[in-house]
Protein backbone atom coordinates (compact mmCIF):
# COMPACT_ATOMS: atom_id res chain seq x y z
CA MET A 1 6.65 -6.05 21.35
CA ASP A 2 5.96 -2.41 21.02
CA TYR A 3 3.34 -0.21 19.28
CA THR A 4 5.47 0.57 16.75
CA GLU A 5 6.42 -3.03 16.15
CA GLU A 6 2.73 -4.10 16.31
CA ARG A 7 2.02 -1.54 13.56
CA ILE A 8 4.74 -2.47 11.27
CA TYR A 9 3.93 -6.31 11.43
CA LEU A 10 0.27 -5.36 11.16
CA ALA A 11 1.17 -3.25 7.83
CA ALA A 12 3.16 -5.77 6.36
CA HIS A 13 1.19 -8.95 6.96
CA TYR A 14 -1.89 -7.16 5.57
CA MET A 15 -0.32 -6.17 2.40
CA ILE A 16 1.03 -9.63 1.81
CA GLU A 17 -2.24 -11.47 2.48
CA ASN A 18 -4.24 -8.97 0.58
CA GLY A 19 -1.65 -7.71 -1.88
CA THR A 20 -2.86 -4.08 -1.23
CA THR A 21 -1.23 -0.81 -2.14
CA VAL A 22 0.17 1.19 0.74
CA ARG A 23 -2.60 3.46 0.41
CA ASP A 24 -5.11 0.78 0.67
CA THR A 25 -3.20 -0.77 3.52
CA ALA A 26 -3.04 2.83 5.81
CA LYS A 27 -6.68 3.21 5.08
CA ALA A 28 -7.37 -0.51 6.59
CA ILE A 29 -4.80 0.00 9.23
CA LYS A 30 -6.15 3.45 10.00
CA SER A 31 -2.64 4.96 9.79
CA SER A 32 -1.11 7.43 7.23
CA LYS A 33 0.27 6.36 4.21
CA SER A 34 3.74 7.72 5.10
CA THR A 35 3.80 6.05 8.06
CA VAL A 36 2.97 2.57 6.39
CA HIS A 37 5.41 3.47 3.48
CA LYS A 38 8.23 4.22 6.13
CA ASP A 39 7.30 1.11 8.14
CA VAL A 40 7.42 -1.22 5.48
CA THR A 41 10.33 0.03 3.63
CA THR A 42 12.83 0.98 6.18
CA ARG A 43 11.66 -0.15 9.66
CA LEU A 44 10.46 -3.70 8.51
CA ALA A 45 14.00 -4.37 7.26
CA ARG A 46 15.53 -4.00 10.43
CA CYS A 47 13.14 -6.13 12.28
CA ASN A 48 12.59 -8.75 9.87
CA PRO A 49 14.61 -8.98 6.41
CA ALA A 50 12.75 -12.25 5.04
CA LEU A 51 9.29 -10.53 5.47
CA ALA A 52 10.62 -7.18 4.08
CA ALA A 53 11.58 -8.87 1.20
CA GLN A 54 8.07 -10.34 0.83
CA VAL A 55 6.67 -6.79 1.06
CA ARG A 56 9.12 -5.14 -1.24
CA ARG A 57 7.71 -8.02 -4.03
CA ILE A 58 4.19 -6.53 -3.44
CA LEU A 59 5.42 -2.66 -3.69
CA ASP A 60 7.27 -3.75 -6.71
CA THR A 61 4.46 -4.98 -8.44
CA ASN A 62 2.51 -1.89 -7.34
CA LYS A 63 4.93 0.46 -9.12
CA ALA A 64 4.91 -1.18 -12.16
CA GLU A 65 1.04 -1.34 -12.24
CA ARG A 66 0.21 2.20 -10.84
CA HIS A 67 0.44 3.57 -14.53
CA ILE A 68 -2.12 1.40 -15.31
CA ARG A 69 -4.55 2.13 -12.24
CA GLY A 70 -3.83 5.85 -12.79
CA GLY A 71 -5.11 5.65 -16.58
CA LYS A 72 -8.41 3.64 -15.09
CA ALA A 73 -9.24 6.17 -12.85
CA THR A 74 -9.00 9.38 -15.08
CA CYS A 75 -11.07 6.92 -17.89
CA GLU A 76 -13.93 6.62 -14.90
CA LYS A 77 -13.49 10.39 -13.94
CA TYR A 78 -14.07 11.73 -17.61
CA LYS A 79 -16.85 8.75 -18.07
CA ARG A 80 -18.80 10.32 -15.07
CA LEU A 81 -18.41 14.02 -16.41
CA LYS A 82 -19.39 12.96 -19.54
CA ASP A 83 -22.44 11.18 -17.99
CA GLY A 84 -23.20 14.19 -15.82
CA ARG A 85 -22.68 12.42 -12.68
CA ASP A 86 -20.01 15.11 -11.34
């Protein structure tokens, strides 16, 4: 198994075990989010379609929830500004 394949499986397993976003997975495995996204959406499907399907479910969940995370982040930002912490 070459480095790229190892990275693909590392990212996929990390996402499945932790239910993380592409961004959080990228930080954890010290790779770019673009690379992780390409690995788990395109390259993994060629290597292991069953594993790719598991990751796809997590990606779909994250996509469905992203507006909630964004709203929470914005709310926290304005709370910090109001409290004078930024």
